[in-house]
């Protein structure tokens, strides 16, 4: 059976993130990094779009957030570096989707405050 791009990009993450501590220095560093990543309205908009679509998307992001391609690319880079999204190359494009495990980690860390 062939593996689709959606399966590669949006496959469930291992449970390793769920076993990380919610208190302590590492947890604080994780929360700061994730907080910085979501610290811009355009990045929140991108996350909401990816959550709504529940699939890998490419060019739709630029149209949905009404920003220049270069600006969107920078926001996507920040989200990807924080681990909140995956980006997989598909031909000349990169398709993006939510990293559900990291989003759950963010939610857990915020709830533990």
PDB file of N, CA and C in Angstrom:
ATOM      1  N   UNK A   1       0.845  -1.181   0.000  1.00  0.00           N
ATOM      2  CA  UNK A   1       0.000   0.000   0.000  1.00  0.00           C
ATOM      3  C   UNK A   1       0.885   1.237   0.000  1.00  0.00           C
ATOM      4  N   UNK A   2       0.623   2.175  -0.873  1.00  0.00           N
ATOM      5  CA  UNK A   2       1.417   3.397  -0.969  1.00  0.00           C
ATOM      6  C   UNK A   2       1.088   4.332   0.184  1.00  0.00           C
ATOM      7  N   UNK A   3       2.097   5.072   0.635  1.00  0.00           N
ATOM      8  CA  UNK A   3       1.920   6.033   1.708  1.00  0.00           C
ATOM      9  C   UNK A   3       1.741   7.402   1.077  1.00  0.00           C
ATOM     10  N   UNK A   4       0.650   8.079   1.410  1.00  0.00           N
ATOM     11  CA  UNK A   4       0.382   9.392   0.828  1.00  0.00           C
ATOM     12  C   UNK A   4       1.150  10.469   1.580  1.00  0.00           C
ATOM     13  N   UNK A   5       1.249  11.643   0.958  1.00  0.00           N
ATOM     14  CA  UNK A   5       1.906  12.780   1.605  1.00  0.00           C
ATOM     15  C   UNK A   5       1.180  13.144   2.890  1.00  0.00           C
ATOM     16  N   UNK A   6      -0.148  13.058   2.892  1.00  0.00           N
ATOM     17  CA  UNK A   6      -0.921  13.359   4.089  1.00  0.00           C
ATOM     18  C   UNK A   6      -0.527  12.414   5.219  1.00  0.00           C
ATOM     19  N   UNK A   7      -0.342  11.136   4.907  1.00  0.00           N
ATOM     20  CA  UNK A   7       0.039  10.171   5.927  1.00  0.00           C
ATOM     21  C   UNK A   7       1.416  10.490   6.510  1.00  0.00           C
ATOM     22  N   UNK A   8       2.342  10.911   5.662  1.00  0.00           N
ATOM     23  CA  UNK A   8       3.688  11.236   6.134  1.00  0.00           C
ATOM     24  C   UNK A   8       3.663  12.473   7.008  1.00  0.00           C
ATOM     25  N   UNK A   9       3.008  13.516   6.520  1.00  0.00           N
ATOM     26  CA  UNK A   9       3.024  14.798   7.205  1.00  0.00           C
ATOM     27  C   UNK A   9       2.181  14.778   8.463  1.00  0.00           C
ATOM     28  N   UNK A  10       1.040  14.177   8.403  1.00  0.00           N
ATOM     29  CA  UNK A  10       0.083  14.299   9.489  1.00  0.00           C
ATOM     30  C   UNK A  10      -0.037  13.045  10.341  1.00  0.00           C
ATOM     31  N   UNK A  11       0.951  12.186  10.278  1.00  0.00           N
ATOM     32  CA  UNK A  11       0.879  10.965  11.070  1.00  0.00           C
ATOM     33  C   UNK A  11       0.985  11.303  12.552  1.00  0.00           C
ATOM     34  N   UNK A  12       0.347  10.515  13.405  1.00  0.00           N
ATOM     35  CA  UNK A  12       0.399  10.783  14.838  1.00  0.00           C
ATOM     36  C   UNK A  12       1.830  10.709  15.359  1.00  0.00           C
ATOM     37  N   UNK A  13       2.116  11.537  16.333  1.00  0.00           N
ATOM     38  CA  UNK A  13       3.439  11.562  16.944  1.00  0.00           C
ATOM     39  C   UNK A  13       3.539  10.481  18.014  1.00  0.00           C
ATOM     40  N   UNK A  14       4.746  10.043  18.297  1.00  0.00           N
ATOM     41  CA  UNK A  14       4.925   9.108  19.406  1.00  0.00           C
ATOM     42  C   UNK A  14       4.530   9.767  20.727  1.00  0.00           C
ATOM     43  N   UNK A  15       4.275   8.976  21.695  1.00  0.00           N
ATOM     44  CA  UNK A  15       3.833   9.475  22.991  1.00  0.00           C
ATOM     45  C   UNK A  15       4.962  10.056  23.841  1.00  0.00           C
ATOM     46  N   UNK A  16       6.155  10.168  23.293  1.00  0.00           N
ATOM     47  CA  UNK A  16       7.308  10.649  24.062  1.00  0.00           C
ATOM     48  C   UNK A  16       7.076  12.029  24.655  1.00  0.00           C
ATOM     49  N   UNK A  17       6.429  12.911  23.926  1.00  0.00           N
ATOM     50  CA  UNK A  17       6.186  14.257  24.447  1.00  0.00           C
ATOM     51  C   UNK A  17       5.254  14.244  25.650  1.00  0.00           C
ATOM     52  N   UNK A  18       4.354  13.304  25.692  1.00  0.00           N
ATOM     53  CA  UNK A  18       3.390  13.254  26.786  1.00  0.00           C
ATOM     54  C   UNK A  18       4.040  12.825  28.101  1.00  0.00           C
ATOM     55  N   UNK A  19       5.177  12.182  28.017  1.00  0.00           N
ATOM     56  CA  UNK A  19       5.846  11.726  29.235  1.00  0.00           C
ATOM     57  C   UNK A  19       6.833  12.757  29.776  1.00  0.00           C
ATOM     58  N   UNK A  20       7.001  13.876  29.085  1.00  0.00           N
ATOM     59  CA  UNK A  20       7.906  14.921  29.565  1.00  0.00           C
ATOM     60  C   UNK A  20       7.310  15.614  30.782  1.00  0.00           C
ATOM     61  N   UNK A  21       8.156  16.090  31.688  1.00  0.00           N
ATOM     62  CA  UNK A  21       7.647  16.755  32.899  1.00  0.00           C
ATOM     63  C   UNK A  21       6.946  18.069  32.554  1.00  0.00           C
ATOM     64  N   UNK A  22       6.020  18.456  33.420  1.00  0.00           N
ATOM     65  CA  UNK A  22       5.314  19.724  33.231  1.00  0.00           C
ATOM     66  C   UNK A  22       5.833  20.807  34.170  1.00  0.00           C
ATOM     67  N   UNK A  23       6.752  20.441  35.041  1.00  0.00           N
ATOM     68  CA  UNK A  23       7.376  21.404  35.941  1.00  0.00           C
ATOM     69  C   UNK A  23       8.888  21.258  35.827  1.00  0.00           C
ATOM     70  N   UNK A  24       9.594  22.305  36.139  1.00  0.00           N
ATOM     71  CA  UNK A  24      11.044  22.260  36.105  1.00  0.00           C
ATOM     72  C   UNK A  24      11.609  23.083  34.959  1.00  0.00           C
ATOM     73  N   UNK A  25      12.924  23.101  34.903  1.00  0.00           N
ATOM     74  CA  UNK A  25      13.630  23.948  33.948  1.00  0.00           C
ATOM     75  C   UNK A  25      13.288  23.608  32.497  1.00  0.00           C
ATOM     76  N   UNK A  26      13.281  22.321  32.137  1.00  0.00           N
ATOM     77  CA  UNK A  26      12.988  21.940  30.757  1.00  0.00           C
ATOM     78  C   UNK A  26      11.568  22.318  30.370  1.00  0.00           C
ATOM     79  N   UNK A  27      10.627  22.089  31.282  1.00  0.00           N
ATOM     80  CA  UNK A  27       9.238  22.447  31.007  1.00  0.00           C
ATOM     81  C   UNK A  27       9.105  23.958  30.814  1.00  0.00           C
ATOM     82  N   UNK A  28       9.802  24.725  31.636  1.00  0.00           N
ATOM     83  CA  UNK A  28       9.759  26.188  31.511  1.00  0.00           C
ATOM     84  C   UNK A  28      10.348  26.638  30.170  1.00  0.00           C
ATOM     85  N   UNK A  29      11.456  26.041  29.775  1.00  0.00           N
ATOM     86  CA  UNK A  29      12.072  26.386  28.491  1.00  0.00           C
ATOM     87  C   UNK A  29      11.158  26.018  27.321  1.00  0.00           C
ATOM     88  N   UNK A  30      10.508  24.863  27.425  1.00  0.00           N
ATOM     89  CA  UNK A  30       9.569  24.446  26.388  1.00  0.00           C
ATOM     90  C   UNK A  30       8.412  25.444  26.273  1.00  0.00           C
ATOM     91  N   UNK A  31       7.868  25.839  27.425  1.00  0.00           N
ATOM     92  CA  UNK A  31       6.744  26.765  27.429  1.00  0.00           C
ATOM     93  C   UNK A  31       7.136  28.120  26.848  1.00  0.00           C
ATOM     94  N   UNK A  32       8.314  28.607  27.181  1.00  0.00           N
ATOM     95  CA  UNK A  32       8.785  29.880  26.639  1.00  0.00           C
ATOM     96  C   UNK A  32       8.924  29.794  25.117  1.00  0.00           C
ATOM     97  N   UNK A  33       9.539  28.728  24.619  1.00  0.00           N
ATOM     98  CA  UNK A  33       9.732  28.573  23.178  1.00  0.00           C
ATOM     99  C   UNK A  33       8.389  28.474  22.451  1.00  0.00           C
ATOM    100  N   UNK A  34       7.481  27.703  23.002  1.00  0.00           N
ATOM    101  CA  UNK A  34       6.165  27.559  22.377  1.00  0.00           C
ATOM    102  C   UNK A  34       5.371  28.860  22.474  1.00  0.00           C
ATOM    103  N   UNK A  35       5.502  29.547  23.606  1.00  0.00           N
ATOM    104  CA  UNK A  35       4.827  30.835  23.769  1.00  0.00           C
ATOM    105  C   UNK A  35       5.302  31.860  22.754  1.00  0.00           C
ATOM    106  N   UNK A  36       6.600  31.894  22.522  1.00  0.00           N
ATOM    107  CA  UNK A  36       7.139  32.806  21.509  1.00  0.00           C
ATOM    108  C   UNK A  36       6.596  32.458  20.128  1.00  0.00           C
ATOM    109  N   UNK A  37       6.488  31.177  19.853  1.00  0.00           N
ATOM    110  CA  UNK A  37       6.019  30.741  18.533  1.00  0.00           C
ATOM    111  C   UNK A  37       4.577  31.154  18.277  1.00  0.00           C
ATOM    112  N   UNK A  38       3.756  31.181  19.304  1.00  0.00           N
ATOM    113  CA  UNK A  38       2.352  31.563  19.105  1.00  0.00           C
ATOM    114  C   UNK A  38       2.118  33.035  19.432  1.00  0.00           C
ATOM    115  N   UNK A  39       3.186  33.773  19.614  1.00  0.00           N
ATOM    116  CA  UNK A  39       3.098  35.167  20.029  1.00  0.00           C
ATOM    117  C   UNK A  39       2.819  36.165  18.922  1.00  0.00           C
ATOM    118  N   UNK A  40       2.227  35.747  17.843  1.00  0.00           N
ATOM    119  CA  UNK A  40       1.883  36.667  16.765  1.00  0.00           C
ATOM    120  C   UNK A  40       0.521  36.263  16.200  1.00  0.00           C
ATOM    121  N   UNK A  41      -0.368  37.236  15.961  1.00  0.00           N
ATOM    122  CA  UNK A  41      -1.708  36.894  15.460  1.00  0.00           C
ATOM    123  C   UNK A  41      -1.711  36.092  14.148  1.00  0.00           C
ATOM    124  N   UNK A  42      -0.770  36.354  13.275  1.00  0.00           N
ATOM    125  CA  UNK A  42      -0.725  35.603  12.009  1.00  0.00           C
ATOM    126  C   UNK A  42      -0.407  34.139  12.264  1.00  0.00           C
ATOM    127  N   UNK A  43       0.441  33.858  13.236  1.00  0.00           N
ATOM    128  CA  UNK A  43       0.781  32.464  13.529  1.00  0.00           C
ATOM    129  C   UNK A  43      -0.404  31.737  14.160  1.00  0.00           C
ATOM    130  N   UNK A  44      -1.165  32.444  14.983  1.00  0.00           N
ATOM    131  CA  UNK A  44      -2.389  31.854  15.537  1.00  0.00           C
ATOM    132  C   UNK A  44      -3.362  31.554  14.400  1.00  0.00           C
ATOM    133  N   UNK A  45      -3.489  32.469  13.472  1.00  0.00           N
ATOM    134  CA  UNK A  45      -4.370  32.279  12.323  1.00  0.00           C
ATOM    135  C   UNK A  45      -3.934  31.071  11.492  1.00  0.00           C
ATOM    136  N   UNK A  46      -2.640  30.912  11.301  1.00  0.00           N
ATOM    137  CA  UNK A  46      -2.123  29.767  10.550  1.00  0.00           C
ATOM    138  C   UNK A  46      -2.439  28.466  11.288  1.00  0.00           C
ATOM    139  N   UNK A  47      -2.213  28.442  12.592  1.00  0.00           N
ATOM    140  CA  UNK A  47      -2.517  27.240  13.375  1.00  0.00           C
ATOM    141  C   UNK A  47      -3.995  26.891  13.282  1.00  0.00           C
ATOM    142  N   UNK A  48      -4.856  27.889  13.414  1.00  0.00           N
ATOM    143  CA  UNK A  48      -6.298  27.629  13.326  1.00  0.00           C
ATOM    144  C   UNK A  48      -6.685  27.089  11.953  1.00  0.00           C
ATOM    145  N   UNK A  49      -6.086  27.635  10.919  1.00  0.00           N
ATOM    146  CA  UNK A  49      -6.354  27.154   9.565  1.00  0.00           C
ATOM    147  C   UNK A  49      -5.945  25.692   9.422  1.00  0.00           C
ATOM    148  N   UNK A  50      -4.752  25.362   9.901  1.00  0.00           N
ATOM    149  CA  UNK A  50      -4.270  23.981   9.793  1.00  0.00           C
ATOM    150  C   UNK A  50      -5.128  23.030  10.624  1.00  0.00           C
ATOM    151  N   UNK A  51      -5.586  23.469  11.775  1.00  0.00           N
ATOM    152  CA  UNK A  51      -6.468  22.640  12.598  1.00  0.00           C
ATOM    153  C   UNK A  51      -7.817  22.418  11.910  1.00  0.00           C
ATOM    154  N   UNK A  52      -8.310  23.451  11.279  1.00  0.00           N
ATOM    155  CA  UNK A  52      -9.599  23.365  10.594  1.00  0.00           C
ATOM    156  C   UNK A  52      -9.540  22.413   9.402  1.00  0.00           C
ATOM    157  N   UNK A  53      -8.458  22.456   8.652  1.00  0.00           N
ATOM    158  CA  UNK A  53      -8.337  21.648   7.435  1.00  0.00           C
ATOM    159  C   UNK A  53      -8.054  20.181   7.723  1.00  0.00           C
ATOM    160  N   UNK A  54      -7.355  19.897   8.808  1.00  0.00           N
ATOM    161  CA  UNK A  54      -7.003  18.525   9.194  1.00  0.00           C
ATOM    162  C   UNK A  54      -6.315  17.750   8.078  1.00  0.00           C
ATOM    163  N   UNK A  55      -5.574  18.437   7.253  1.00  0.00           N
ATOM    164  CA  UNK A  55      -4.813  17.810   6.181  1.00  0.00           C
ATOM    165  C   UNK A  55      -3.638  18.715   5.852  1.00  0.00           C
ATOM    166  N   UNK A  56      -2.706  18.214   5.096  1.00  0.00           N
ATOM    167  CA  UNK A  56      -1.588  19.054   4.673  1.00  0.00           C
ATOM    168  C   UNK A  56      -2.073  20.063   3.642  1.00  0.00           C
ATOM    169  N   UNK A  57      -1.676  21.308   3.828  1.00  0.00           N
ATOM    170  CA  UNK A  57      -2.042  22.328   2.858  1.00  0.00           C
ATOM    171  C   UNK A  57      -0.807  23.128   2.467  1.00  0.00           C
ATOM    172  N   UNK A  58      -0.861  23.691   1.289  1.00  0.00           N
ATOM    173  CA  UNK A  58       0.286  24.436   0.751  1.00  0.00           C
ATOM    174  C   UNK A  58      -0.094  25.883   0.505  1.00  0.00           C
ATOM    175  N   UNK A  59      -0.477  26.204  -0.707  1.00  0.00           N
ATOM    176  CA  UNK A  59      -0.726  27.573  -1.121  1.00  0.00           C
ATOM    177  C   UNK A  59      -1.901  28.256  -0.454  1.00  0.00           C
ATOM    178  N   UNK A  60      -2.813  27.490   0.098  1.00  0.00           N
ATOM    179  CA  UNK A  60      -3.991  28.074   0.740  1.00  0.00           C
ATOM    180  C   UNK A  60      -3.622  28.991   1.901  1.00  0.00           C
ATOM    181  N   UNK A  61      -2.507  28.752   2.530  1.00  0.00           N
ATOM    182  CA  UNK A  61      -2.134  29.516   3.713  1.00  0.00           C
ATOM    183  C   UNK A  61      -1.960  30.989   3.357  1.00  0.00           C
ATOM    184  N   UNK A  62      -1.260  31.273   2.289  1.00  0.00           N
ATOM    185  CA  UNK A  62      -1.020  32.664   1.880  1.00  0.00           C
ATOM    186  C   UNK A  62      -2.348  33.355   1.591  1.00  0.00           C
ATOM    187  N   UNK A  63      -3.242  32.679   0.896  1.00  0.00           N
ATOM    188  CA  UNK A  63      -4.539  33.269   0.583  1.00  0.00           C
ATOM    189  C   UNK A  63      -5.366  33.510   1.841  1.00  0.00           C
ATOM    190  N   UNK A  64      -5.310  32.595   2.786  1.00  0.00           N
ATOM    191  CA  UNK A  64      -6.143  32.681   3.982  1.00  0.00           C
ATOM    192  C   UNK A  64      -5.697  33.780   4.941  1.00  0.00           C
ATOM    193  N   UNK A  65      -4.406  34.016   5.052  1.00  0.00           N
ATOM    194  CA  UNK A  65      -3.929  35.023   6.020  1.00  0.00           C
ATOM    195  C   UNK A  65      -3.695  36.384   5.388  1.00  0.00           C
ATOM    196  N   UNK A  66      -3.833  36.485   4.083  1.00  0.00           N
ATOM    197  CA  UNK A  66      -3.717  37.758   3.364  1.00  0.00           C
ATOM    198  C   UNK A  66      -2.425  38.510   3.674  1.00  0.00           C
ATOM    199  N   UNK A  67      -1.327  37.777   3.681  1.00  0.00           N
ATOM    200  CA  UNK A  67      -0.009  38.376   3.852  1.00  0.00           C
ATOM    201  C   UNK A  67       0.865  37.968   2.676  1.00  0.00           C
ATOM    202  N   UNK A  68       1.960  38.675   2.504  1.00  0.00           N
ATOM    203  CA  UNK A  68       2.897  38.334   1.431  1.00  0.00           C
ATOM    204  C   UNK A  68       3.466  36.942   1.660  1.00  0.00           C
ATOM    205  N   UNK A  69       3.789  36.260   0.564  1.00  0.00           N
ATOM    206  CA  UNK A  69       4.364  34.916   0.633  1.00  0.00           C
ATOM    207  C   UNK A  69       5.586  34.882   1.548  1.00  0.00           C
ATOM    208  N   UNK A  70       6.453  35.872   1.447  1.00  0.00           N
ATOM    209  CA  UNK A  70       7.672  35.877   2.262  1.00  0.00           C
ATOM    210  C   UNK A  70       7.353  36.013   3.751  1.00  0.00           C
ATOM    211  N   UNK A  71       6.337  36.790   4.073  1.00  0.00           N
ATOM    212  CA  UNK A  71       5.930  36.959   5.470  1.00  0.00           C
ATOM    213  C   UNK A  71       5.343  35.662   6.007  1.00  0.00           C
ATOM    214  N   UNK A  72       4.490  35.041   5.224  1.00  0.00           N
ATOM    215  CA  UNK A  72       3.894  33.761   5.624  1.00  0.00           C
ATOM    216  C   UNK A  72       4.991  32.715   5.800  1.00  0.00           C
ATOM    217  N   UNK A  73       5.948  32.696   4.898  1.00  0.00           N
ATOM    218  CA  UNK A  73       7.050  31.739   4.995  1.00  0.00           C
ATOM    219  C   UNK A  73       7.823  31.919   6.300  1.00  0.00           C
ATOM    220  N   UNK A  74       8.037  33.150   6.707  1.00  0.00           N
ATOM    221  CA  UNK A  74       8.743  33.403   7.964  1.00  0.00           C
ATOM    222  C   UNK A  74       7.925  32.912   9.155  1.00  0.00           C
ATOM    223  N   UNK A  75       6.622  33.159   9.139  1.00  0.00           N
ATOM    224  CA  UNK A  75       5.764  32.675  10.223  1.00  0.00           C
ATOM    225  C   UNK A  75       5.743  31.148  10.256  1.00  0.00           C
ATOM    226  N   UNK A  76       5.684  30.519   9.100  1.00  0.00           N
ATOM    227  CA  UNK A  76       5.708  29.054   9.033  1.00  0.00           C
ATOM    228  C   UNK A  76       7.022  28.511   9.574  1.00  0.00           C
ATOM    229  N   UNK A  77       8.108  29.200   9.279  1.00  0.00           N
ATOM    230  CA  UNK A  77       9.422  28.780   9.770  1.00  0.00           C
ATOM    231  C   UNK A  77       9.455  28.799  11.298  1.00  0.00           C
ATOM    232  N   UNK A  78       8.915  29.850  11.899  1.00  0.00           N
ATOM    233  CA  UNK A  78       8.889  29.967  13.362  1.00  0.00           C
ATOM    234  C   UNK A  78       8.061  28.828  13.963  1.00  0.00           C
ATOM    235  N   UNK A  79       6.895  28.572  13.394  1.00  0.00           N
ATOM    236  CA  UNK A  79       6.028  27.499  13.899  1.00  0.00           C
ATOM    237  C   UNK A  79       6.677  26.132  13.734  1.00  0.00           C
ATOM    238  N   UNK A  80       7.365  25.943  12.625  1.00  0.00           N
ATOM    239  CA  UNK A  80       8.027  24.657  12.383  1.00  0.00           C
ATOM    240  C   UNK A  80       9.202  24.457  13.329  1.00  0.00           C
ATOM    241  N   UNK A  81      10.005  25.507  13.536  1.00  0.00           N
ATOM    242  CA  UNK A  81      11.143  25.397  14.452  1.00  0.00           C
ATOM    243  C   UNK A  81      10.694  25.101  15.875  1.00  0.00           C
ATOM    244  N   UNK A  82       9.529  25.601  16.259  1.00  0.00           N
ATOM    245  CA  UNK A  82       8.990  25.319  17.587  1.00  0.00           C
ATOM    246  C   UNK A  82       8.379  23.927  17.669  1.00  0.00           C
ATOM    247  N   UNK A  83       8.204  23.293  16.515  1.00  0.00           N
ATOM    248  CA  UNK A  83       7.645  21.944  16.494  1.00  0.00           C
ATOM    249  C   UNK A  83       6.134  21.902  16.441  1.00  0.00           C
ATOM    250  N   UNK A  84       5.473  23.047  16.313  1.00  0.00           N
ATOM    251  CA  UNK A  84       4.017  23.069  16.301  1.00  0.00           C
ATOM    252  C   UNK A  84       3.415  22.612  14.978  1.00  0.00           C
ATOM    253  N   UNK A  85       4.204  22.678  13.907  1.00  0.00           N
ATOM    254  CA  UNK A  85       3.730  22.202  12.615  1.00  0.00           C
ATOM    255  C   UNK A  85       4.806  21.340  11.968  1.00  0.00           C
ATOM    256  N   UNK A  86       4.360  20.532  11.020  1.00  0.00           N
ATOM    257  CA  UNK A  86       5.252  19.764  10.167  1.00  0.00           C
ATOM    258  C   UNK A  86       5.238  20.421   8.800  1.00  0.00           C
ATOM    259  N   UNK A  87       6.335  20.339   8.105  1.00  0.00           N
ATOM    260  CA  UNK A  87       6.387  20.798   6.727  1.00  0.00           C
ATOM    261  C   UNK A  87       7.085  19.750   5.894  1.00  0.00           C
ATOM    262  N   UNK A  88       6.391  19.240   4.906  1.00  0.00           N
ATOM    263  CA  UNK A  88       6.940  18.201   4.043  1.00  0.00           C
ATOM    264  C   UNK A  88       6.996  18.714   2.609  1.00  0.00           C
ATOM    265  N   UNK A  89       8.125  18.496   1.965  1.00  0.00           N
ATOM    266  CA  UNK A  89       8.292  18.940   0.589  1.00  0.00           C
ATOM    267  C   UNK A  89       7.503  18.021  -0.324  1.00  0.00           C
ATOM    268  N   UNK A  90       6.702  18.634  -1.170  1.00  0.00           N
ATOM    269  CA  UNK A  90       5.890  17.899  -2.142  1.00  0.00           C
ATOM    270  C   UNK A  90       6.085  18.592  -3.485  1.00  0.00           C
ATOM    271  N   UNK A  91       7.025  18.102  -4.261  1.00  0.00           N
ATOM    272  CA  UNK A  91       7.359  18.743  -5.536  1.00  0.00           C
ATOM    273  C   UNK A  91       7.962  20.113  -5.267  1.00  0.00           C
ATOM    274  N   UNK A  92       7.449  21.141  -5.940  1.00  0.00           N
ATOM    275  CA  UNK A  92       8.005  22.483  -5.741  1.00  0.00           C
ATOM    276  C   UNK A  92       7.436  23.192  -4.514  1.00  0.00           C
ATOM    277  N   UNK A  93       6.503  22.561  -3.812  1.00  0.00           N
ATOM    278  CA  UNK A  93       5.842  23.184  -2.670  1.00  0.00           C
ATOM    279  C   UNK A  93       6.199  22.456  -1.380  1.00  0.00           C
ATOM    280  N   UNK A  94       5.925  23.120  -0.276  1.00  0.00           N
ATOM    281  CA  UNK A  94       5.996  22.476   1.025  1.00  0.00           C
ATOM    282  C   UNK A  94       4.586  22.470   1.592  1.00  0.00           C
ATOM    283  N   UNK A  95       4.124  21.315   2.017  1.00  0.00           N
ATOM    284  CA  UNK A  95       2.798  21.182   2.601  1.00  0.00           C
ATOM    285  C   UNK A  95       2.935  21.147   4.117  1.00  0.00           C
ATOM    286  N   UNK A  96       2.025  21.815   4.789  1.00  0.00           N
ATOM    287  CA  UNK A  96       2.101  21.959   6.239  1.00  0.00           C
ATOM    288  C   UNK A  96       0.883  21.354   6.910  1.00  0.00           C
ATOM    289  N   UNK A  97       1.107  20.840   8.119  1.00  0.00           N
ATOM    290  CA  UNK A  97       0.024  20.349   8.955  1.00  0.00           C
ATOM    291  C   UNK A  97       0.435  20.472  10.421  1.00  0.00           C
ATOM    292  N   UNK A  98      -0.544  20.360  11.285  1.00  0.00           N
ATOM    293  CA  UNK A  98      -0.342  20.500  12.728  1.00  0.00           C
ATOM    294  C   UNK A  98       0.425  19.300  13.278  1.00  0.00           C
ATOM    295  N   UNK A  99       1.312  19.570  14.219  1.00  0.00           N
ATOM    296  CA  UNK A  99       1.935  18.521  15.011  1.00  0.00           C
ATOM    297  C   UNK A  99       1.078  18.419  16.275  1.00  0.00           C
ATOM    298  N   UNK A 100       0.131  17.515  16.261  1.00  0.00           N
ATOM    299  CA  UNK A 100      -0.835  17.412  17.353  1.00  0.00           C
ATOM    300  C   UNK A 100      -0.179  17.120  18.700  1.00  0.00           C
ATOM    301  N   UNK A 101       0.872  16.353  18.696  1.00  0.00           N
ATOM    302  CA  UNK A 101       1.544  16.022  19.955  1.00  0.00           C
ATOM    303  C   UNK A 101       2.149  17.281  20.590  1.00  0.00           C
ATOM    304  N   UNK A 102       2.770  18.142  19.789  1.00  0.00           N
ATOM    305  CA  UNK A 102       3.360  19.355  20.341  1.00  0.00           C
ATOM    306  C   UNK A 102       2.278  20.342  20.769  1.00  0.00           C
ATOM    307  N   UNK A 103       1.188  20.384  20.053  1.00  0.00           N
ATOM    308  CA  UNK A 103       0.077  21.240  20.459  1.00  0.00           C
ATOM    309  C   UNK A 103      -0.485  20.764  21.796  1.00  0.00           C
ATOM    310  N   UNK A 104      -0.587  19.449  21.986  1.00  0.00           N
ATOM    311  CA  UNK A 104      -1.030  18.915  23.276  1.00  0.00           C
ATOM    312  C   UNK A 104      -0.030  19.272  24.370  1.00  0.00           C
ATOM    313  N   UNK A 105       1.261  19.213  24.048  1.00  0.00           N
ATOM    314  CA  UNK A 105       2.300  19.594  25.018  1.00  0.00           C
ATOM    315  C   UNK A 105       2.107  21.041  25.445  1.00  0.00           C
ATOM    316  N   UNK A 106       1.857  21.925  24.502  1.00  0.00           N
ATOM    317  CA  UNK A 106       1.626  23.337  24.820  1.00  0.00           C
ATOM    318  C   UNK A 106       0.424  23.477  25.743  1.00  0.00           C
ATOM    319  N   UNK A 107      -0.657  22.806  25.426  1.00  0.00           N
ATOM    320  CA  UNK A 107      -1.866  22.883  26.239  1.00  0.00           C
ATOM    321  C   UNK A 107      -1.599  22.385  27.668  1.00  0.00           C
ATOM    322  N   UNK A 108      -0.857  21.301  27.791  1.00  0.00           N
ATOM    323  CA  UNK A 108      -0.538  20.740  29.103  1.00  0.00           C
ATOM    324  C   UNK A 108       0.320  21.713  29.907  1.00  0.00           C
ATOM    325  N   UNK A 109       1.312  22.308  29.255  1.00  0.00           N
ATOM    326  CA  UNK A 109       2.192  23.243  29.957  1.00  0.00           C
ATOM    327  C   UNK A 109       1.445  24.488  30.415  1.00  0.00           C
ATOM    328  N   UNK A 110       0.554  24.986  29.578  1.00  0.00           N
ATOM    329  CA  UNK A 110      -0.242  26.165  29.967  1.00  0.00           C
ATOM    330  C   UNK A 110      -1.171  25.796  31.119  1.00  0.00           C
ATOM    331  N   UNK A 111      -1.779  24.645  31.051  1.00  0.00           N
ATOM    332  CA  UNK A 111      -2.702  24.219  32.114  1.00  0.00           C
ATOM    333  C   UNK A 111      -1.978  24.031  33.444  1.00  0.00           C
ATOM    334  N   UNK A 112      -0.697  23.718  33.403  1.00  0.00           N
ATOM    335  CA  UNK A 112       0.060  23.470  34.629  1.00  0.00           C
ATOM    336  C   UNK A 112       0.548  24.760  35.301  1.00  0.00           C
ATOM    337  N   UNK A 113       0.333  25.907  34.653  1.00  0.00           N
ATOM    338  CA  UNK A 113       0.802  27.167  35.245  1.00  0.00           C
ATOM    339  C   UNK A 113       0.192  27.442  36.592  1.00  0.00           C
TER     340      UNK A 113
END
